[in-house]
């Protein structure tokens, strides 16, 4: 561990530059737990950070990668022991703290989650931030009264990592899921995950009235903008809309009418700074009643560490279906 490979993101001459480097442990941020990283993932946010297409990092240089799983090497916190299998998602990785694109990571103990029984290191990353976010959305919706017998749940951005796992989880819990996508060729994939209907984004009439005819019992939205506005108009009485992403737009143009006349709830889902007790509870559910049934189908690519830099462009072009796991070591 005197030195090891890491994929670091720099700001040089006003531009973002990412590259493999050999660094010592002391080059990493301080933390109580040192982990030998086995797997990481690629998320849209990782592609934005590594290419400079989005302003993600708060400081430079940083090791990229918002997810990791691996084995504890050493710990100054007695709740973690050498050899223990752990995961980290979000928690400021590749934003304010060195992330998972390195053979070793040094982490704050409050960000580290023991991998629950029922999951291994690969499965933990097959789920990763995307799956954790989807599960957190379902958890919050159900806490707010969402039930399968109320009607259909819409998932937008359905072919992405969050959307794919959200469909899988919802279907396994008995919900009828409507998948919204711009990729006609992905209909069979989405139905295999459990979608009962697939709507093509370009064929949706989003309407213009403050409230349209109620069509759905709830929604998980990954895109924002016009589609999220449409959902506020079409989700019925006391339905929940979990707002997760802004792939299309950060804007939301709506009125208060769906909220005060239909009792619709708009639930913001933040997977980065979730309180630790809630994070642990959701991961326990991901190993049990919220465990995705189709991870083998959802993980569409497993890459070697060396292949990482060539994989980001596909995310920026919306050319990726499902999840990508990166094998860092072993």
C-alpha atoms as a PDB file:
ATOM      1  CA  UNK A   1       0.000   0.000   0.000  1.00  0.00           C
ATOM      2  CA  UNK A   2       3.027   2.312  -0.240  1.00  0.00           C
ATOM      3  CA  UNK A   3       1.653   3.448  -3.605  1.00  0.00           C
ATOM      4  CA  UNK A   4      -1.311   2.454  -5.759  1.00  0.00           C
ATOM      5  CA  UNK A   5      -3.288   3.421  -8.861  1.00  0.00           C
ATOM      6  CA  UNK A   6      -5.964   6.076  -8.738  1.00  0.00           C
ATOM      7  CA  UNK A   7      -8.025   7.912 -11.337  1.00  0.00           C
ATOM      8  CA  UNK A   8      -7.789  11.564 -10.280  1.00  0.00           C
ATOM      9  CA  UNK A   9      -9.602  14.639 -11.519  1.00  0.00           C
ATOM     10  CA  UNK A  10      -7.648  17.913 -11.749  1.00  0.00           C
ATOM     11  CA  UNK A  11      -8.400  21.477 -12.710  1.00  0.00           C
ATOM     12  CA  UNK A  12      -5.550  22.780 -14.840  1.00  0.00           C
ATOM     13  CA  UNK A  13      -5.584  26.053 -16.724  1.00  0.00           C
ATOM     14  CA  UNK A  14      -9.320  26.389 -16.166  1.00  0.00           C
ATOM     15  CA  UNK A  15      -9.997  22.955 -17.691  1.00  0.00           C
ATOM     16  CA  UNK A  16     -10.871  19.598 -16.159  1.00  0.00           C
ATOM     17  CA  UNK A  17      -8.218  16.940 -16.734  1.00  0.00           C
ATOM     18  CA  UNK A  18      -8.633  13.337 -15.545  1.00  0.00           C
ATOM     19  CA  UNK A  19      -5.919  10.660 -15.558  1.00  0.00           C
ATOM     20  CA  UNK A  20      -4.505   7.586 -13.888  1.00  0.00           C
ATOM     21  CA  UNK A  21      -1.789   8.303 -11.356  1.00  0.00           C
ATOM     22  CA  UNK A  22       0.271   6.380  -8.822  1.00  0.00           C
ATOM     23  CA  UNK A  23      -0.163   7.964  -5.405  1.00  0.00           C
ATOM     24  CA  UNK A  24       0.625   7.221  -1.735  1.00  0.00           C
ATOM     25  CA  UNK A  25      -2.070   6.773   0.897  1.00  0.00           C
ATOM     26  CA  UNK A  26      -1.190  10.150   2.388  1.00  0.00           C
ATOM     27  CA  UNK A  27      -2.354  11.808  -0.834  1.00  0.00           C
ATOM     28  CA  UNK A  28      -5.944  10.836   0.055  1.00  0.00           C
ATOM     29  CA  UNK A  29      -8.261  12.805   2.315  1.00  0.00           C
ATOM     30  CA  UNK A  30      -8.117  12.001   5.999  1.00  0.00           C
ATOM     31  CA  UNK A  31     -10.451   9.339   7.367  1.00  0.00           C
ATOM     32  CA  UNK A  32     -10.747   6.688  10.035  1.00  0.00           C
ATOM     33  CA  UNK A  33     -11.225   3.664   7.752  1.00  0.00           C
ATOM     34  CA  UNK A  34      -8.895   2.405   5.008  1.00  0.00           C
ATOM     35  CA  UNK A  35     -10.531   0.094   2.448  1.00  0.00           C
ATOM     36  CA  UNK A  36      -9.013  -2.024  -0.298  1.00  0.00           C
ATOM     37  CA  UNK A  37     -11.425  -1.246  -3.114  1.00  0.00           C
ATOM     38  CA  UNK A  38     -12.723  -4.149  -5.158  1.00  0.00           C
ATOM     39  CA  UNK A  39     -15.553  -2.601  -7.213  1.00  0.00           C
ATOM     40  CA  UNK A  40     -16.904   0.799  -8.166  1.00  0.00           C
ATOM     41  CA  UNK A  41     -19.492   1.968 -10.702  1.00  0.00           C
ATOM     42  CA  UNK A  42     -20.163   4.602 -13.337  1.00  0.00           C
ATOM     43  CA  UNK A  43     -23.068   6.972 -12.828  1.00  0.00           C
ATOM     44  CA  UNK A  44     -24.110   9.985 -14.891  1.00  0.00           C
ATOM     45  CA  UNK A  45     -22.663  12.165 -12.148  1.00  0.00           C
ATOM     46  CA  UNK A  46     -19.293  10.380 -12.509  1.00  0.00           C
ATOM     47  CA  UNK A  47     -19.244  11.141 -16.229  1.00  0.00           C
ATOM     48  CA  UNK A  48     -20.017  14.807 -15.590  1.00  0.00           C
ATOM     49  CA  UNK A  49     -17.246  15.027 -12.996  1.00  0.00           C
ATOM     50  CA  UNK A  50     -14.542  13.213 -14.983  1.00  0.00           C
ATOM     51  CA  UNK A  51     -15.141  15.094 -18.230  1.00  0.00           C
ATOM     52  CA  UNK A  52     -15.914  18.514 -16.821  1.00  0.00           C
ATOM     53  CA  UNK A  53     -19.322  18.486 -18.515  1.00  0.00           C
ATOM     54  CA  UNK A  54     -20.839  19.389 -15.154  1.00  0.00           C
ATOM     55  CA  UNK A  55     -19.457  21.182 -12.108  1.00  0.00           C
ATOM     56  CA  UNK A  56     -19.480  18.382  -9.536  1.00  0.00           C
ATOM     57  CA  UNK A  57     -16.219  18.618  -7.605  1.00  0.00           C
ATOM     58  CA  UNK A  58     -15.910  21.247  -4.877  1.00  0.00           C
ATOM     59  CA  UNK A  59     -12.121  20.914  -4.644  1.00  0.00           C
ATOM     60  CA  UNK A  60      -9.231  19.616  -6.738  1.00  0.00           C
ATOM     61  CA  UNK A  61      -7.589  17.217  -7.207  1.00  0.00           C
ATOM     62  CA  UNK A  62      -9.876  14.400  -6.119  1.00  0.00           C
ATOM     63  CA  UNK A  63     -10.132  10.713  -6.890  1.00  0.00           C
ATOM     64  CA  UNK A  64     -13.302  10.160  -8.926  1.00  0.00           C
ATOM     65  CA  UNK A  65     -16.077   7.649  -8.290  1.00  0.00           C
ATOM     66  CA  UNK A  66     -19.134   8.174  -6.079  1.00  0.00           C
ATOM     67  CA  UNK A  67     -19.425   4.455  -5.174  1.00  0.00           C
ATOM     68  CA  UNK A  68     -17.158   1.726  -3.854  1.00  0.00           C
ATOM     69  CA  UNK A  69     -17.196  -1.660  -2.209  1.00  0.00           C
ATOM     70  CA  UNK A  70     -14.307  -3.588  -0.716  1.00  0.00           C
ATOM     71  CA  UNK A  71     -12.584  -4.869   2.383  1.00  0.00           C
ATOM     72  CA  UNK A  72     -11.451  -2.962   5.467  1.00  0.00           C
ATOM     73  CA  UNK A  73      -7.658  -2.889   5.789  1.00  0.00           C
ATOM     74  CA  UNK A  74      -7.438  -0.800   8.943  1.00  0.00           C
ATOM     75  CA  UNK A  75      -9.753   1.259  11.105  1.00  0.00           C
ATOM     76  CA  UNK A  76      -9.418   3.747  13.934  1.00  0.00           C
ATOM     77  CA  UNK A  77     -13.143   3.233  14.600  1.00  0.00           C
ATOM     78  CA  UNK A  78     -13.858   0.068  16.591  1.00  0.00           C
ATOM     79  CA  UNK A  79     -17.133  -0.600  14.745  1.00  0.00           C
ATOM     80  CA  UNK A  80     -15.092  -1.667  11.685  1.00  0.00           C
ATOM     81  CA  UNK A  81     -12.585  -4.524  11.677  1.00  0.00           C
ATOM     82  CA  UNK A  82      -9.915  -5.608   9.155  1.00  0.00           C
ATOM     83  CA  UNK A  83     -11.389  -8.053   6.670  1.00  0.00           C
ATOM     84  CA  UNK A  84     -14.923  -6.687   7.005  1.00  0.00           C
ATOM     85  CA  UNK A  85     -16.796  -6.164   3.715  1.00  0.00           C
ATOM     86  CA  UNK A  86     -18.177  -2.641   3.336  1.00  0.00           C
ATOM     87  CA  UNK A  87     -19.676  -0.219   0.837  1.00  0.00           C
ATOM     88  CA  UNK A  88     -19.891   3.536   0.437  1.00  0.00           C
ATOM     89  CA  UNK A  89     -22.301   5.456  -1.801  1.00  0.00           C
ATOM     90  CA  UNK A  90     -22.561   9.213  -2.150  1.00  0.00           C
ATOM     91  CA  UNK A  91     -21.489  10.811   1.152  1.00  0.00           C
ATOM     92  CA  UNK A  92     -19.442  13.445  -0.691  1.00  0.00           C
ATOM     93  CA  UNK A  93     -17.268  10.976  -2.626  1.00  0.00           C
ATOM     94  CA  UNK A  94     -15.874  12.601  -5.784  1.00  0.00           C
ATOM     95  CA  UNK A  95     -17.378  15.881  -4.644  1.00  0.00           C
ATOM     96  CA  UNK A  96     -15.615  16.904  -1.446  1.00  0.00           C
ATOM     97  CA  UNK A  97     -13.803  13.624  -0.630  1.00  0.00           C
ATOM     98  CA  UNK A  98     -11.641  11.199  -2.618  1.00  0.00           C
ATOM     99  CA  UNK A  99     -13.817   8.516  -4.203  1.00  0.00           C
ATOM    100  CA  UNK A 100     -13.846   4.921  -5.349  1.00  0.00           C
ATOM    101  CA  UNK A 101     -11.707   5.019  -8.505  1.00  0.00           C
ATOM    102  CA  UNK A 102      -8.575   3.885  -6.678  1.00  0.00           C
ATOM    103  CA  UNK A 103      -7.127   0.648  -5.368  1.00  0.00           C
ATOM    104  CA  UNK A 104      -7.402   2.005  -1.816  1.00  0.00           C
ATOM    105  CA  UNK A 105      -9.733   4.519  -0.200  1.00  0.00           C
ATOM    106  CA  UNK A 106      -9.490   6.351   3.116  1.00  0.00           C
ATOM    107  CA  UNK A 107     -12.937   7.201   4.425  1.00  0.00           C
ATOM    108  CA  UNK A 108     -14.812   8.861   7.234  1.00  0.00           C
ATOM    109  CA  UNK A 109     -16.355   6.120   9.320  1.00  0.00           C
ATOM    110  CA  UNK A 110     -19.847   7.641   9.276  1.00  0.00           C
ATOM    111  CA  UNK A 111     -19.933   7.153   5.479  1.00  0.00           C
ATOM    112  CA  UNK A 112     -19.029   3.449   5.617  1.00  0.00           C
ATOM    113  CA  UNK A 113     -21.849   0.872   5.536  1.00  0.00           C
ATOM    114  CA  UNK A 114     -21.299  -2.805   6.406  1.00  0.00           C
ATOM    115  CA  UNK A 115     -22.508  -4.881   3.462  1.00  0.00           C
ATOM    116  CA  UNK A 116     -25.683  -6.532   4.779  1.00  0.00           C
ATOM    117  CA  UNK A 117     -26.111 -10.291   4.780  1.00  0.00           C
ATOM    118  CA  UNK A 118     -27.693 -11.250   1.484  1.00  0.00           C
ATOM    119  CA  UNK A 119     -25.418  -9.053  -0.642  1.00  0.00           C
ATOM    120  CA  UNK A 120     -21.811  -9.447  -1.771  1.00  0.00           C
ATOM    121  CA  UNK A 121     -19.353  -6.801  -2.968  1.00  0.00           C
ATOM    122  CA  UNK A 122     -20.354  -7.092  -6.627  1.00  0.00           C
ATOM    123  CA  UNK A 123     -24.085  -6.961  -5.880  1.00  0.00           C
ATOM    124  CA  UNK A 124     -23.540  -3.945  -3.630  1.00  0.00           C
ATOM    125  CA  UNK A 125     -22.101  -2.081  -6.616  1.00  0.00           C
ATOM    126  CA  UNK A 126     -24.623  -3.501  -9.086  1.00  0.00           C
ATOM    127  CA  UNK A 127     -27.079  -1.637  -6.847  1.00  0.00           C
ATOM    128  CA  UNK A 128     -24.771   1.275  -5.958  1.00  0.00           C
ATOM    129  CA  UNK A 129     -25.914   4.861  -5.713  1.00  0.00           C
ATOM    130  CA  UNK A 130     -28.516   4.322  -8.441  1.00  0.00           C
ATOM    131  CA  UNK A 131     -30.210   1.427  -6.684  1.00  0.00           C
ATOM    132  CA  UNK A 132     -29.896   3.012  -3.281  1.00  0.00           C
ATOM    133  CA  UNK A 133     -31.557   6.171  -4.645  1.00  0.00           C
ATOM    134  CA  UNK A 134     -34.386   4.139  -6.173  1.00  0.00           C
ATOM    135  CA  UNK A 135     -34.900   2.258  -2.907  1.00  0.00           C
ATOM    136  CA  UNK A 136     -34.827   5.487  -0.893  1.00  0.00           C
ATOM    137  CA  UNK A 137     -37.547   6.865  -3.180  1.00  0.00           C
ATOM    138  CA  UNK A 138     -39.748   3.791  -2.695  1.00  0.00           C
ATOM    139  CA  UNK A 139     -39.078   3.872   1.059  1.00  0.00           C
ATOM    140  CA  UNK A 140     -40.143   7.520   1.317  1.00  0.00           C
ATOM    141  CA  UNK A 141     -43.210   7.002  -0.856  1.00  0.00           C
ATOM    142  CA  UNK A 142     -44.374   4.078   1.268  1.00  0.00           C
ATOM    143  CA  UNK A 143     -43.732   6.004   4.465  1.00  0.00           C
ATOM    144  CA  UNK A 144     -46.081   8.607   2.993  1.00  0.00           C
ATOM    145  CA  UNK A 145     -48.832   6.088   2.358  1.00  0.00           C
ATOM    146  CA  UNK A 146     -48.152   4.723  -1.139  1.00  0.00           C
ATOM    147  CA  UNK A 147     -49.755   1.296  -1.663  1.00  0.00           C
ATOM    148  CA  UNK A 148     -49.798  -1.068  -4.671  1.00  0.00           C
ATOM    149  CA  UNK A 149     -53.582  -1.212  -4.838  1.00  0.00           C
ATOM    150  CA  UNK A 150     -53.883   2.568  -5.416  1.00  0.00           C
ATOM    151  CA  UNK A 151     -52.925   2.296  -9.098  1.00  0.00           C
ATOM    152  CA  UNK A 152     -50.050   2.587 -11.545  1.00  0.00           C
ATOM    153  CA  UNK A 153     -46.671   4.131 -10.717  1.00  0.00           C
ATOM    154  CA  UNK A 154     -44.804   5.975 -13.471  1.00  0.00           C
ATOM    155  CA  UNK A 155     -40.998   5.761 -13.736  1.00  0.00           C
ATOM    156  CA  UNK A 156     -39.334   8.277 -16.079  1.00  0.00           C
ATOM    157  CA  UNK A 157     -35.808   7.904 -17.383  1.00  0.00           C
ATOM    158  CA  UNK A 158     -36.645   4.230 -17.190  1.00  0.00           C
ATOM    159  CA  UNK A 159     -33.611   2.720 -18.902  1.00  0.00           C
ATOM    160  CA  UNK A 160     -31.051   4.392 -16.649  1.00  0.00           C
ATOM    161  CA  UNK A 161     -29.644   2.829 -13.510  1.00  0.00           C
ATOM    162  CA  UNK A 162     -32.111   4.480 -11.123  1.00  0.00           C
ATOM    163  CA  UNK A 163     -35.063   3.875 -13.412  1.00  0.00           C
ATOM    164  CA  UNK A 164     -34.191   0.236 -14.101  1.00  0.00           C
ATOM    165  CA  UNK A 165     -33.832  -0.660 -10.436  1.00  0.00           C
ATOM    166  CA  UNK A 166     -36.917   1.374  -9.467  1.00  0.00           C
ATOM    167  CA  UNK A 167     -39.000  -0.660 -11.922  1.00  0.00           C
ATOM    168  CA  UNK A 168     -37.557  -3.916 -10.579  1.00  0.00           C
ATOM    169  CA  UNK A 169     -38.213  -2.975  -6.935  1.00  0.00           C
ATOM    170  CA  UNK A 170     -41.716  -1.624  -7.532  1.00  0.00           C
ATOM    171  CA  UNK A 171     -42.799  -4.632  -9.581  1.00  0.00           C
ATOM    172  CA  UNK A 172     -41.473  -7.044  -6.956  1.00  0.00           C
ATOM    173  CA  UNK A 173     -43.637  -5.281  -4.360  1.00  0.00           C
ATOM    174  CA  UNK A 174     -46.788  -5.676  -6.429  1.00  0.00           C
ATOM    175  CA  UNK A 175     -46.991  -2.244  -8.063  1.00  0.00           C
ATOM    176  CA  UNK A 176     -48.111  -1.884 -11.678  1.00  0.00           C
ATOM    177  CA  UNK A 177     -45.320   0.101 -13.307  1.00  0.00           C
ATOM    178  CA  UNK A 178     -45.498   2.375 -16.350  1.00  0.00           C
ATOM    179  CA  UNK A 179     -42.022   2.948 -17.819  1.00  0.00           C
ATOM    180  CA  UNK A 180     -41.385   6.188 -19.733  1.00  0.00           C
ATOM    181  CA  UNK A 181     -38.420   6.185 -22.125  1.00  0.00           C
ATOM    182  CA  UNK A 182     -37.202   7.741 -25.324  1.00  0.00           C
ATOM    183  CA  UNK A 183     -35.710   4.423 -26.455  1.00  0.00           C
ATOM    184  CA  UNK A 184     -38.268   2.357 -28.363  1.00  0.00           C
ATOM    185  CA  UNK A 185     -35.775  -0.492 -28.681  1.00  0.00           C
ATOM    186  CA  UNK A 186     -35.665  -0.880 -24.885  1.00  0.00           C
ATOM    187  CA  UNK A 187     -39.322  -1.871 -24.426  1.00  0.00           C
ATOM    188  CA  UNK A 188     -38.529  -5.572 -24.082  1.00  0.00           C
ATOM    189  CA  UNK A 189     -35.793  -4.842 -21.524  1.00  0.00           C
ATOM    190  CA  UNK A 190     -38.170  -2.730 -19.420  1.00  0.00           C
ATOM    191  CA  UNK A 191     -40.926  -5.340 -19.549  1.00  0.00           C
ATOM    192  CA  UNK A 192     -38.439  -7.993 -18.476  1.00  0.00           C
ATOM    193  CA  UNK A 193     -37.705  -5.904 -15.372  1.00  0.00           C
ATOM    194  CA  UNK A 194     -41.406  -5.778 -14.543  1.00  0.00           C
ATOM    195  CA  UNK A 195     -42.961  -2.827 -16.377  1.00  0.00           C
ATOM    196  CA  UNK A 196     -46.551  -3.547 -17.327  1.00  0.00           C
ATOM    197  CA  UNK A 197     -46.658  -0.709 -19.864  1.00  0.00           C
ATOM    198  CA  UNK A 198     -44.047   1.302 -21.771  1.00  0.00           C
ATOM    199  CA  UNK A 199     -44.744   4.872 -22.897  1.00  0.00           C
ATOM    200  CA  UNK A 200     -42.488   6.560 -25.437  1.00  0.00           C
ATOM    201  CA  UNK A 201     -41.558  10.028 -24.282  1.00  0.00           C
ATOM    202  CA  UNK A 202     -42.219  11.680 -27.665  1.00  0.00           C
ATOM    203  CA  UNK A 203     -45.744  10.286 -27.794  1.00  0.00           C
ATOM    204  CA  UNK A 204     -46.883  11.755 -24.474  1.00  0.00           C
ATOM    205  CA  UNK A 205     -49.343  14.634 -24.539  1.00  0.00           C
ATOM    206  CA  UNK A 206     -48.277  16.565 -21.469  1.00  0.00           C
ATOM    207  CA  UNK A 207     -51.275  18.888 -21.571  1.00  0.00           C
ATOM    208  CA  UNK A 208     -51.398  22.525 -20.539  1.00  0.00           C
ATOM    209  CA  UNK A 209     -54.019  22.828 -17.803  1.00  0.00           C
ATOM    210  CA  UNK A 210     -52.984  23.091 -14.145  1.00  0.00           C
ATOM    211  CA  UNK A 211     -54.538  19.649 -13.627  1.00  0.00           C
ATOM    212  CA  UNK A 212     -55.295  17.050 -16.268  1.00  0.00           C
ATOM    213  CA  UNK A 213     -57.303  13.869 -15.815  1.00  0.00           C
ATOM    214  CA  UNK A 214     -55.788  11.791 -13.014  1.00  0.00           C
ATOM    215  CA  UNK A 215     -54.000   8.805 -14.572  1.00  0.00           C
ATOM    216  CA  UNK A 216     -51.467   7.531 -12.040  1.00  0.00           C
ATOM    217  CA  UNK A 217     -51.159   6.809  -8.335  1.00  0.00           C
ATOM    218  CA  UNK A 218     -47.576   8.012  -8.057  1.00  0.00           C
ATOM    219  CA  UNK A 219     -44.271   8.495  -9.845  1.00  0.00           C
ATOM    220  CA  UNK A 220     -40.504   8.311  -9.622  1.00  0.00           C
ATOM    221  CA  UNK A 221     -39.023  11.019 -11.829  1.00  0.00           C
ATOM    222  CA  UNK A 222     -35.417  11.084 -13.028  1.00  0.00           C
ATOM    223  CA  UNK A 223     -35.587  13.842 -15.618  1.00  0.00           C
ATOM    224  CA  UNK A 224     -37.314  16.991 -14.312  1.00  0.00           C
ATOM    225  CA  UNK A 225     -38.590  19.671 -16.638  1.00  0.00           C
ATOM    226  CA  UNK A 226     -41.662  19.093 -18.793  1.00  0.00           C
ATOM    227  CA  UNK A 227     -42.175  15.466 -17.756  1.00  0.00           C
ATOM    228  CA  UNK A 228     -42.155  16.328 -14.065  1.00  0.00           C
ATOM    229  CA  UNK A 229     -44.655  19.099 -14.767  1.00  0.00           C
ATOM    230  CA  UNK A 230     -46.842  16.533 -16.580  1.00  0.00           C
ATOM    231  CA  UNK A 231     -46.667  14.234 -13.562  1.00  0.00           C
ATOM    232  CA  UNK A 232     -47.872  16.946 -11.198  1.00  0.00           C
ATOM    233  CA  UNK A 233     -50.889  17.377 -13.498  1.00  0.00           C
ATOM    234  CA  UNK A 234     -51.729  13.677 -13.832  1.00  0.00           C
ATOM    235  CA  UNK A 235     -50.976  11.980 -10.482  1.00  0.00           C
ATOM    236  CA  UNK A 236     -54.192  11.397  -8.589  1.00  0.00           C
ATOM    237  CA  UNK A 237     -55.451  11.983  -5.049  1.00  0.00           C
ATOM    238  CA  UNK A 238     -52.821  11.647  -2.321  1.00  0.00           C
ATOM    239  CA  UNK A 239     -50.261  10.238  -4.738  1.00  0.00           C
ATOM    240  CA  UNK A 240     -46.534  10.683  -4.242  1.00  0.00           C
ATOM    241  CA  UNK A 241     -44.016  11.968  -6.777  1.00  0.00           C
ATOM    242  CA  UNK A 242     -40.388  11.212  -5.870  1.00  0.00           C
ATOM    243  CA  UNK A 243     -38.116  13.743  -7.567  1.00  0.00           C
ATOM    244  CA  UNK A 244     -34.646  12.282  -8.104  1.00  0.00           C
ATOM    245  CA  UNK A 245     -32.964  13.776 -11.172  1.00  0.00           C
ATOM    246  CA  UNK A 246     -32.744  16.565 -13.721  1.00  0.00           C
ATOM    247  CA  UNK A 247     -31.445  14.794 -16.819  1.00  0.00           C
ATOM    248  CA  UNK A 248     -33.775  16.877 -19.025  1.00  0.00           C
ATOM    249  CA  UNK A 249     -34.040  20.097 -17.024  1.00  0.00           C
ATOM    250  CA  UNK A 250     -33.839  21.475 -13.465  1.00  0.00           C
ATOM    251  CA  UNK A 251     -36.966  23.545 -14.089  1.00  0.00           C
ATOM    252  CA  UNK A 252     -40.438  22.784 -12.765  1.00  0.00           C
ATOM    253  CA  UNK A 253     -43.330  24.908 -14.045  1.00  0.00           C
ATOM    254  CA  UNK A 254     -46.498  24.004 -12.191  1.00  0.00           C
ATOM    255  CA  UNK A 255     -49.103  25.450  -9.847  1.00  0.00           C
ATOM    256  CA  UNK A 256     -50.112  24.722  -6.290  1.00  0.00           C
ATOM    257  CA  UNK A 257     -53.403  23.220  -7.463  1.00  0.00           C
ATOM    258  CA  UNK A 258     -52.331  19.533  -7.600  1.00  0.00           C
ATOM    259  CA  UNK A 259     -50.979  19.835  -4.074  1.00  0.00           C
ATOM    260  CA  UNK A 260     -53.936  21.581  -2.462  1.00  0.00           C
ATOM    261  CA  UNK A 261     -56.785  20.074  -4.512  1.00  0.00           C
ATOM    262  CA  UNK A 262     -55.543  16.495  -4.941  1.00  0.00           C
ATOM    263  CA  UNK A 263     -53.199  16.269  -1.959  1.00  0.00           C
ATOM    264  CA  UNK A 264     -50.270  15.254  -4.176  1.00  0.00           C
ATOM    265  CA  UNK A 265     -46.898  15.097  -2.373  1.00  0.00           C
ATOM    266  CA  UNK A 266     -43.644  16.028  -4.104  1.00  0.00           C
ATOM    267  CA  UNK A 267     -40.853  14.196  -2.262  1.00  0.00           C
ATOM    268  CA  UNK A 268     -37.264  15.286  -2.794  1.00  0.00           C
ATOM    269  CA  UNK A 269     -34.777  12.405  -2.727  1.00  0.00           C
ATOM    270  CA  UNK A 270     -31.183  13.221  -1.723  1.00  0.00           C
ATOM    271  CA  UNK A 271     -28.996  10.112  -1.707  1.00  0.00           C
ATOM    272  CA  UNK A 272     -25.731  11.908  -0.904  1.00  0.00           C
ATOM    273  CA  UNK A 273     -26.382  13.300   2.554  1.00  0.00           C
ATOM    274  CA  UNK A 274     -28.949  10.849   3.902  1.00  0.00           C
ATOM    275  CA  UNK A 275     -28.908  10.601   7.713  1.00  0.00           C
ATOM    276  CA  UNK A 276     -26.890   7.534   8.681  1.00  0.00           C
ATOM    277  CA  UNK A 277     -29.730   5.698  10.441  1.00  0.00           C
ATOM    278  CA  UNK A 278     -31.915   6.031   7.345  1.00  0.00           C
ATOM    279  CA  UNK A 279     -29.061   4.980   5.040  1.00  0.00           C
ATOM    280  CA  UNK A 280     -28.463   1.822   7.081  1.00  0.00           C
ATOM    281  CA  UNK A 281     -32.185   1.028   7.145  1.00  0.00           C
ATOM    282  CA  UNK A 282     -32.545   1.368   3.366  1.00  0.00           C
ATOM    283  CA  UNK A 283     -29.494  -0.840   2.725  1.00  0.00           C
ATOM    284  CA  UNK A 284     -30.977  -3.476   5.010  1.00  0.00           C
ATOM    285  CA  UNK A 285     -34.143  -3.358   2.918  1.00  0.00           C
ATOM    286  CA  UNK A 286     -32.053  -3.616  -0.263  1.00  0.00           C
ATOM    287  CA  UNK A 287     -30.705  -6.909   1.038  1.00  0.00           C
ATOM    288  CA  UNK A 288     -34.215  -8.111   1.891  1.00  0.00           C
ATOM    289  CA  UNK A 289     -37.651  -6.915   0.747  1.00  0.00           C
ATOM    290  CA  UNK A 290     -36.326  -4.272  -1.689  1.00  0.00           C
ATOM    291  CA  UNK A 291     -33.618  -6.477  -3.218  1.00  0.00           C
ATOM    292  CA  UNK A 292     -33.739  -6.177  -7.026  1.00  0.00           C
ATOM    293  CA  UNK A 293     -34.565  -9.473  -8.723  1.00  0.00           C
ATOM    294  CA  UNK A 294     -32.964  -8.765 -12.093  1.00  0.00           C
ATOM    295  CA  UNK A 295     -29.467  -7.479 -11.339  1.00  0.00           C
ATOM    296  CA  UNK A 296     -28.014  -9.835 -13.957  1.00  0.00           C
ATOM    297  CA  UNK A 297     -30.054  -8.018 -16.595  1.00  0.00           C
ATOM    298  CA  UNK A 298     -29.586  -4.538 -15.132  1.00  0.00           C
ATOM    299  CA  UNK A 299     -25.769  -4.771 -15.060  1.00  0.00           C
ATOM    300  CA  UNK A 300     -25.163  -4.425 -18.794  1.00  0.00           C
ATOM    301  CA  UNK A 301     -21.397  -3.825 -18.566  1.00  0.00           C
ATOM    302  CA  UNK A 302     -18.576  -4.908 -16.250  1.00  0.00           C
ATOM    303  CA  UNK A 303     -15.370  -3.045 -17.051  1.00  0.00           C
ATOM    304  CA  UNK A 304     -11.754  -3.398 -16.002  1.00  0.00           C
ATOM    305  CA  UNK A 305     -10.262  -0.401 -14.215  1.00  0.00           C
ATOM    306  CA  UNK A 306      -8.161   0.399 -17.304  1.00  0.00           C
ATOM    307  CA  UNK A 307     -11.289   0.792 -19.443  1.00  0.00           C
ATOM    308  CA  UNK A 308     -12.788   3.485 -17.225  1.00  0.00           C
ATOM    309  CA  UNK A 309     -11.782   6.640 -19.179  1.00  0.00           C
ATOM    310  CA  UNK A 310     -13.290   5.391 -22.443  1.00  0.00           C
ATOM    311  CA  UNK A 311     -16.715   4.760 -20.871  1.00  0.00           C
ATOM    312  CA  UNK A 312     -17.822   8.270 -19.887  1.00  0.00           C
ATOM    313  CA  UNK A 313     -18.889   9.627 -23.286  1.00  0.00           C
ATOM    314  CA  UNK A 314     -21.710   7.096 -23.613  1.00  0.00           C
ATOM    315  CA  UNK A 315     -23.282   8.524 -20.459  1.00  0.00           C
ATOM    316  CA  UNK A 316     -23.121  12.087 -21.758  1.00  0.00           C
ATOM    317  CA  UNK A 317     -24.817  10.933 -24.980  1.00  0.00           C
ATOM    318  CA  UNK A 318     -27.563   9.053 -23.067  1.00  0.00           C
ATOM    319  CA  UNK A 319     -26.319   5.873 -24.706  1.00  0.00           C
ATOM    320  CA  UNK A 320     -26.255   3.616 -21.642  1.00  0.00           C
ATOM    321  CA  UNK A 321     -28.915   1.200 -20.479  1.00  0.00           C
ATOM    322  CA  UNK A 322     -28.809  -0.190 -16.952  1.00  0.00           C
ATOM    323  CA  UNK A 323     -25.735  -0.269 -14.744  1.00  0.00           C
ATOM    324  CA  UNK A 324     -21.961  -0.381 -15.281  1.00  0.00           C
ATOM    325  CA  UNK A 325     -19.750  -2.000 -12.637  1.00  0.00           C
ATOM    326  CA  UNK A 326     -16.006  -1.281 -12.629  1.00  0.00           C
ATOM    327  CA  UNK A 327     -13.659  -3.997 -11.341  1.00  0.00           C
ATOM    328  CA  UNK A 328     -10.940  -2.102  -9.485  1.00  0.00           C
ATOM    329  CA  UNK A 329      -9.080  -5.160  -8.145  1.00  0.00           C
ATOM    330  CA  UNK A 330      -9.498  -8.932  -7.893  1.00  0.00           C
END
